[in-house]
Structures are given as C-alpha cells and as structure tokens.
C-alpha cells in the first residue's frame, strides 16, 4: 500500500501570509510529532500561465489574495486517520484556532481532500 496525502488549496490575503505561516509552522510541528512524514505549506509565486486553468481561479482569490497549496504526507490512509484524530484533539491546535487561526484565512473557502499516491520516487 502506498503513501497517503492530505491536500489543501486556499486563498489567503497577502497581508496575512506571515500570520498564516506562523500558525502553519506550529501546526506542522504537531502533525510531525504525531507521525506525519512530511508537512508542506507553499504560498503562490508563479501562478499565471496562458492556456491553463489557474490556481487563482481554483482557489477563488480576490486581487488582494494569493493561493496557499499545502499537503501532509502519511505512511497510509489508516495512519492519516489515526494521526488526524490525535491532532484534532490536541489542545495546542485548538488554542491556535481560537487565538487567530480563523483570522488568518477563511476555513469555509478551503478546498481539502485525501489522495492515495499512485506514483512515488
């Protein structure tokens, strides 16, 4: 069985990127502590390409927003389920969300999905 990836695509106001990154660093430490193999958060840099559907459109950004593309890698879907359950109950994550997580971006505009790896190197 191959690795499993949780993927995220979300619009974040340019002015909130540092605040978002601070929250993401702390969240990444928690996911890794519980067993995630990788935790990556990336802010849009080169998003506009002719003849392709853009990440900006996919994320529904406004002129003042950029796209954040994120993923967390797990050993398997079962490990993802186990780890995510622990992370969601972690008091540090709950506190982060209370103290500014909801102000860094709009959770309702985030796209999320689980993906099974089909090619790995």
N, C-alpha and C. Protein backbone atom coordinates (compact mmCIF):
# COMPACT_ATOMS: atom_id res chain seq x y z
N UNK A 1 0.85 -1.19 0.00
CA UNK A 1 0.00 0.00 0.00
C UNK A 1 0.89 1.24 0.00
N UNK A 2 0.55 2.23 -0.83
CA UNK A 2 1.35 3.43 -0.96
C UNK A 2 1.03 4.49 0.07
N UNK A 3 1.77 5.55 0.01
CA UNK A 3 1.57 6.67 0.93
C UNK A 3 0.22 7.34 0.67
N UNK A 4 -0.19 8.15 1.63
CA UNK A 4 -1.46 8.87 1.54
C UNK A 4 -1.17 10.34 1.79
N UNK A 5 -1.86 11.21 1.05
CA UNK A 5 -1.60 12.65 1.11
C UNK A 5 -2.91 13.39 1.36
N UNK A 6 -2.91 14.26 2.34
CA UNK A 6 -3.99 15.23 2.51
C UNK A 6 -3.56 16.50 1.81
N UNK A 7 -4.40 17.02 0.91
CA UNK A 7 -4.07 18.22 0.16
C UNK A 7 -5.04 19.35 0.47
N UNK A 8 -4.52 20.57 0.41
CA UNK A 8 -5.30 21.76 0.71
C UNK A 8 -5.00 22.85 -0.32
N UNK A 9 -6.03 23.59 -0.68
CA UNK A 9 -5.88 24.75 -1.55
C UNK A 9 -6.74 25.84 -0.95
N UNK A 10 -6.14 26.98 -0.65
CA UNK A 10 -6.92 28.03 -0.01
C UNK A 10 -6.41 29.42 -0.36
N UNK A 11 -7.35 30.36 -0.42
CA UNK A 11 -6.96 31.75 -0.64
C UNK A 11 -6.59 32.39 0.70
N UNK A 12 -5.50 33.15 0.69
CA UNK A 12 -5.06 33.86 1.88
C UNK A 12 -4.72 35.29 1.46
N UNK A 13 -5.19 36.25 2.24
CA UNK A 13 -4.84 37.64 1.95
C UNK A 13 -3.33 37.80 2.05
N UNK A 14 -2.76 38.53 1.09
CA UNK A 14 -1.31 38.77 1.08
C UNK A 14 -0.84 39.30 2.43
N UNK A 15 -1.63 40.18 3.02
CA UNK A 15 -1.24 40.78 4.30
C UNK A 15 -1.25 39.77 5.45
N UNK A 16 -1.85 38.61 5.25
CA UNK A 16 -1.93 37.59 6.30
C UNK A 16 -0.98 36.42 6.11
N UNK A 17 -0.13 36.47 5.09
CA UNK A 17 0.74 35.33 4.80
C UNK A 17 1.67 35.01 5.97
N UNK A 18 2.27 36.01 6.58
CA UNK A 18 3.18 35.74 7.71
C UNK A 18 2.41 35.17 8.89
N UNK A 19 1.24 35.70 9.16
CA UNK A 19 0.40 35.17 10.25
C UNK A 19 0.02 33.72 9.96
N UNK A 20 -0.36 33.46 8.71
CA UNK A 20 -0.69 32.09 8.31
C UNK A 20 0.52 31.18 8.46
N UNK A 21 1.68 31.64 8.01
CA UNK A 21 2.90 30.82 8.09
C UNK A 21 3.26 30.50 9.54
N UNK A 22 3.06 31.45 10.44
CA UNK A 22 3.34 31.21 11.86
C UNK A 22 2.43 30.10 12.40
N UNK A 23 1.16 30.16 12.08
CA UNK A 23 0.22 29.13 12.50
C UNK A 23 0.59 27.78 11.87
N UNK A 24 0.93 27.81 10.57
CA UNK A 24 1.27 26.59 9.85
C UNK A 24 2.53 25.92 10.42
N UNK A 25 3.53 26.72 10.81
CA UNK A 25 4.74 26.15 11.41
C UNK A 25 4.39 25.38 12.68
N UNK A 26 3.58 25.98 13.52
CA UNK A 26 3.17 25.32 14.77
C UNK A 26 2.34 24.08 14.49
N UNK A 27 1.42 24.19 13.54
CA UNK A 27 0.58 23.04 13.19
C UNK A 27 1.43 21.92 12.61
N UNK A 28 2.38 22.26 11.76
CA UNK A 28 3.27 21.26 11.17
C UNK A 28 4.05 20.49 12.22
N UNK A 29 4.51 21.20 13.24
CA UNK A 29 5.23 20.53 14.32
C UNK A 29 4.33 19.50 15.01
N UNK A 30 3.07 19.85 15.20
CA UNK A 30 2.13 18.94 15.85
C UNK A 30 1.89 17.72 14.97
N UNK A 31 1.62 17.93 13.67
CA UNK A 31 1.39 16.78 12.77
C UNK A 31 2.61 15.86 12.74
N UNK A 32 3.79 16.46 12.65
CA UNK A 32 5.01 15.64 12.61
C UNK A 32 5.21 14.90 13.92
N UNK A 33 4.91 15.54 15.03
CA UNK A 33 5.04 14.89 16.34
C UNK A 33 4.19 13.63 16.41
N UNK A 34 3.01 13.66 15.79
CA UNK A 34 2.12 12.51 15.84
C UNK A 34 2.40 11.48 14.74
N UNK A 35 3.32 11.79 13.83
CA UNK A 35 3.72 10.77 12.88
C UNK A 35 3.61 11.10 11.40
N UNK A 36 3.18 12.31 11.04
CA UNK A 36 3.17 12.67 9.61
C UNK A 36 4.59 12.62 9.07
N UNK A 37 4.74 12.17 7.85
CA UNK A 37 6.08 12.05 7.25
C UNK A 37 6.58 13.39 6.71
N UNK A 38 5.69 14.16 6.12
CA UNK A 38 6.04 15.48 5.58
C UNK A 38 4.89 16.43 5.81
N UNK A 39 5.21 17.71 5.96
CA UNK A 39 4.21 18.76 6.10
C UNK A 39 4.73 19.95 5.31
N UNK A 40 4.03 20.32 4.25
CA UNK A 40 4.49 21.39 3.35
C UNK A 40 3.38 22.43 3.20
N UNK A 41 3.74 23.69 3.36
CA UNK A 41 2.84 24.82 3.09
C UNK A 41 3.57 25.72 2.11
N UNK A 42 2.95 26.04 0.99
CA UNK A 42 3.61 26.84 -0.03
C UNK A 42 2.68 27.96 -0.50
N UNK A 43 3.21 29.19 -0.53
CA UNK A 43 2.44 30.35 -0.99
C UNK A 43 2.68 30.56 -2.48
N UNK A 44 1.62 30.93 -3.19
CA UNK A 44 1.71 31.15 -4.62
C UNK A 44 2.78 32.16 -4.99
N UNK A 45 3.50 31.85 -6.06
CA UNK A 45 4.57 32.72 -6.53
C UNK A 45 4.51 32.91 -8.04
N UNK A 46 4.26 31.85 -8.77
CA UNK A 46 4.24 31.88 -10.24
C UNK A 46 2.93 31.21 -10.66
N UNK A 47 1.84 31.96 -10.62
CA UNK A 47 0.51 31.36 -10.74
C UNK A 47 -0.21 31.60 -12.07
N UNK A 48 0.25 32.53 -12.84
CA UNK A 48 -0.48 32.91 -14.05
C UNK A 48 0.19 32.37 -15.30
N UNK A 49 -0.48 31.42 -15.96
CA UNK A 49 0.07 30.78 -17.15
C UNK A 49 -1.00 30.75 -18.23
N UNK A 50 -0.62 31.13 -19.43
CA UNK A 50 -1.55 31.13 -20.55
C UNK A 50 -1.99 29.71 -20.87
N UNK A 51 -3.22 29.59 -21.32
CA UNK A 51 -3.80 28.32 -21.77
C UNK A 51 -3.92 27.25 -20.70
N UNK A 52 -3.92 27.66 -19.43
CA UNK A 52 -4.11 26.71 -18.33
C UNK A 52 -5.10 27.32 -17.34
N UNK A 53 -5.85 26.47 -16.69
CA UNK A 53 -6.74 26.93 -15.64
C UNK A 53 -5.89 27.26 -14.43
N UNK A 54 -6.03 28.44 -13.89
CA UNK A 54 -5.10 28.90 -12.86
C UNK A 54 -5.48 28.46 -11.45
N UNK A 55 -4.46 28.39 -10.62
CA UNK A 55 -4.69 28.12 -9.21
C UNK A 55 -5.51 29.26 -8.60
N UNK A 56 -5.31 30.47 -9.07
CA UNK A 56 -6.10 31.60 -8.55
C UNK A 56 -7.59 31.37 -8.76
N UNK A 57 -7.96 30.93 -9.95
CA UNK A 57 -9.37 30.64 -10.22
C UNK A 57 -9.85 29.47 -9.38
N UNK A 58 -9.04 28.44 -9.29
CA UNK A 58 -9.42 27.27 -8.49
C UNK A 58 -9.67 27.63 -7.04
N UNK A 59 -8.85 28.53 -6.51
CA UNK A 59 -8.97 28.92 -5.10
C UNK A 59 -9.96 30.08 -4.91
N UNK A 60 -10.39 30.70 -6.00
CA UNK A 60 -11.34 31.81 -5.90
C UNK A 60 -10.75 33.04 -5.22
N UNK A 61 -9.50 33.37 -5.56
CA UNK A 61 -8.85 34.51 -4.91
C UNK A 61 -9.39 35.84 -5.41
N UNK A 62 -9.27 36.84 -4.55
CA UNK A 62 -9.53 38.22 -4.92
C UNK A 62 -8.18 38.85 -5.29
N UNK A 63 -8.21 40.12 -5.70
CA UNK A 63 -6.98 40.81 -6.07
C UNK A 63 -5.99 40.93 -4.90
N UNK A 64 -6.50 40.93 -3.68
CA UNK A 64 -5.62 41.10 -2.51
C UNK A 64 -5.17 39.77 -1.90
N UNK A 65 -5.49 38.66 -2.58
CA UNK A 65 -5.17 37.34 -2.03
C UNK A 65 -4.20 36.58 -2.94
N UNK A 66 -3.51 35.63 -2.33
CA UNK A 66 -2.72 34.66 -3.06
C UNK A 66 -3.24 33.27 -2.72
N UNK A 67 -2.64 32.27 -3.32
CA UNK A 67 -3.04 30.89 -3.09
C UNK A 67 -2.01 30.21 -2.20
N UNK A 68 -2.50 29.44 -1.25
CA UNK A 68 -1.63 28.57 -0.47
C UNK A 68 -1.98 27.14 -0.87
N UNK A 69 -0.96 26.40 -1.23
CA UNK A 69 -1.07 25.00 -1.62
C UNK A 69 -0.33 24.21 -0.55
N UNK A 70 -1.01 23.28 0.09
CA UNK A 70 -0.42 22.57 1.22
C UNK A 70 -0.67 21.08 1.10
N UNK A 71 0.25 20.31 1.68
CA UNK A 71 -0.01 18.88 1.75
C UNK A 71 0.73 18.26 2.92
N UNK A 72 0.12 17.20 3.43
CA UNK A 72 0.69 16.43 4.52
C UNK A 72 0.78 14.99 4.03
N UNK A 73 1.94 14.37 4.18
CA UNK A 73 2.17 13.01 3.70
C UNK A 73 2.16 12.04 4.89
N UNK A 74 1.47 10.94 4.68
CA UNK A 74 1.35 9.90 5.71
C UNK A 74 1.78 8.56 5.12
N UNK A 75 2.11 7.63 5.97
CA UNK A 75 2.51 6.30 5.53
C UNK A 75 1.36 5.56 4.84
N UNK A 76 0.12 5.81 5.29
CA UNK A 76 -1.05 5.13 4.73
C UNK A 76 -2.30 5.93 5.10
N UNK A 77 -3.44 5.55 4.52
CA UNK A 77 -4.70 6.20 4.88
C UNK A 77 -5.05 5.92 6.34
N UNK A 78 -4.76 4.71 6.77
CA UNK A 78 -5.05 4.35 8.17
C UNK A 78 -4.22 5.21 9.13
N UNK A 79 -2.95 5.42 8.78
CA UNK A 79 -2.11 6.29 9.60
C UNK A 79 -2.63 7.73 9.56
N UNK A 80 -3.06 8.19 8.39
CA UNK A 80 -3.64 9.53 8.28
C UNK A 80 -4.82 9.67 9.23
N UNK A 81 -5.73 8.68 9.21
CA UNK A 81 -6.91 8.75 10.07
C UNK A 81 -6.52 8.77 11.55
N UNK A 82 -5.57 7.94 11.92
CA UNK A 82 -5.11 7.87 13.32
C UNK A 82 -4.47 9.19 13.74
N UNK A 83 -3.55 9.69 12.92
CA UNK A 83 -2.82 10.91 13.23
C UNK A 83 -3.75 12.11 13.27
N UNK A 84 -4.63 12.24 12.27
CA UNK A 84 -5.54 13.38 12.25
C UNK A 84 -6.47 13.39 13.46
N UNK A 85 -6.89 12.23 13.91
CA UNK A 85 -7.75 12.16 15.10
C UNK A 85 -6.99 12.72 16.31
N UNK A 86 -5.73 12.35 16.45
CA UNK A 86 -4.92 12.86 17.56
C UNK A 86 -4.68 14.36 17.44
N UNK A 87 -4.38 14.82 16.23
CA UNK A 87 -4.12 16.24 16.01
C UNK A 87 -5.36 17.08 16.34
N UNK A 88 -6.52 16.62 15.90
CA UNK A 88 -7.75 17.39 16.12
C UNK A 88 -8.11 17.49 17.60
N UNK A 89 -7.62 16.57 18.41
CA UNK A 89 -7.87 16.61 19.85
C UNK A 89 -6.76 17.32 20.62
N UNK A 90 -5.69 17.69 19.95
CA UNK A 90 -4.56 18.33 20.61
C UNK A 90 -4.93 19.75 21.06
N UNK A 91 -4.73 20.03 22.31
CA UNK A 91 -5.11 21.33 22.88
C UNK A 91 -4.32 22.48 22.26
N UNK A 92 -3.07 22.22 21.84
CA UNK A 92 -2.29 23.29 21.21
C UNK A 92 -2.92 23.76 19.92
N UNK A 93 -3.42 22.83 19.11
CA UNK A 93 -4.07 23.19 17.86
C UNK A 93 -5.38 23.92 18.14
N UNK A 94 -6.14 23.42 19.08
CA UNK A 94 -7.40 24.08 19.43
C UNK A 94 -7.14 25.52 19.88
N UNK A 95 -6.13 25.72 20.67
CA UNK A 95 -5.80 27.06 21.16
C UNK A 95 -5.37 27.97 20.01
N UNK A 96 -4.57 27.44 19.08
CA UNK A 96 -4.16 28.24 17.92
C UNK A 96 -5.36 28.73 17.13
N UNK A 97 -6.33 27.86 16.94
CA UNK A 97 -7.51 28.23 16.16
C UNK A 97 -8.33 29.29 16.89
N UNK A 98 -8.37 29.22 18.20
CA UNK A 98 -9.08 30.23 18.99
C UNK A 98 -8.37 31.57 18.94
N UNK A 99 -7.04 31.53 18.92
CA UNK A 99 -6.27 32.77 19.05
C UNK A 99 -5.77 33.33 17.73
N UNK A 100 -6.49 33.10 16.66
CA UNK A 100 -6.11 33.77 15.43
C UNK A 100 -6.14 32.94 14.18
N UNK A 101 -6.29 31.63 14.29
CA UNK A 101 -6.32 30.80 13.10
C UNK A 101 -7.45 31.18 12.17
N UNK A 102 -8.59 31.48 12.74
CA UNK A 102 -9.74 31.83 11.91
C UNK A 102 -9.60 33.22 11.30
N UNK A 103 -8.66 34.01 11.79
CA UNK A 103 -8.44 35.34 11.23
C UNK A 103 -7.40 35.34 10.12
N UNK A 104 -6.59 34.31 10.05
CA UNK A 104 -5.54 34.24 9.03
C UNK A 104 -6.12 33.85 7.67
N UNK A 105 -7.19 33.07 7.66
CA UNK A 105 -7.85 32.67 6.42
C UNK A 105 -9.26 32.20 6.73
N UNK A 106 -10.07 32.08 5.70
CA UNK A 106 -11.46 31.66 5.84
C UNK A 106 -11.57 30.15 5.62
N UNK A 107 -11.82 29.40 6.68
CA UNK A 107 -11.91 27.94 6.61
C UNK A 107 -12.94 27.48 5.58
N UNK A 108 -14.00 28.25 5.41
CA UNK A 108 -15.09 27.85 4.51
C UNK A 108 -14.68 27.91 3.04
N UNK A 109 -13.58 28.60 2.75
CA UNK A 109 -13.13 28.72 1.36
C UNK A 109 -11.97 27.77 1.06
N UNK A 110 -11.61 26.93 2.00
CA UNK A 110 -10.51 25.99 1.82
C UNK A 110 -11.00 24.74 1.11
N UNK A 111 -10.25 24.30 0.10
CA UNK A 111 -10.53 23.01 -0.54
C UNK A 111 -9.63 21.98 0.12
N UNK A 112 -10.19 20.80 0.40
CA UNK A 112 -9.44 19.76 1.10
C UNK A 112 -9.81 18.41 0.52
N UNK A 113 -8.84 17.52 0.45
CA UNK A 113 -9.12 16.16 0.03
C UNK A 113 -7.99 15.23 0.40
N UNK A 114 -8.32 13.94 0.48
CA UNK A 114 -7.34 12.90 0.72
C UNK A 114 -7.02 12.19 -0.58
N UNK A 115 -5.74 11.88 -0.79
CA UNK A 115 -5.28 11.30 -2.05
C UNK A 115 -4.38 10.11 -1.79
N UNK A 116 -4.62 9.01 -2.51
CA UNK A 116 -3.69 7.89 -2.40
C UNK A 116 -2.63 8.06 -3.48
N UNK A 117 -1.40 7.85 -3.08
CA UNK A 117 -0.28 8.01 -4.00
C UNK A 117 -0.35 6.94 -5.10
N UNK A 118 -0.17 7.37 -6.34
CA UNK A 118 -0.16 6.43 -7.45
C UNK A 118 1.22 6.30 -8.08
N UNK A 119 2.11 7.29 -7.80
CA UNK A 119 3.50 7.24 -8.24
C UNK A 119 4.34 7.80 -7.10
N UNK A 120 5.39 7.09 -6.74
CA UNK A 120 6.29 7.57 -5.69
C UNK A 120 7.72 7.31 -6.12
N UNK A 121 8.60 8.26 -5.84
CA UNK A 121 10.04 8.10 -6.10
C UNK A 121 10.79 8.24 -4.81
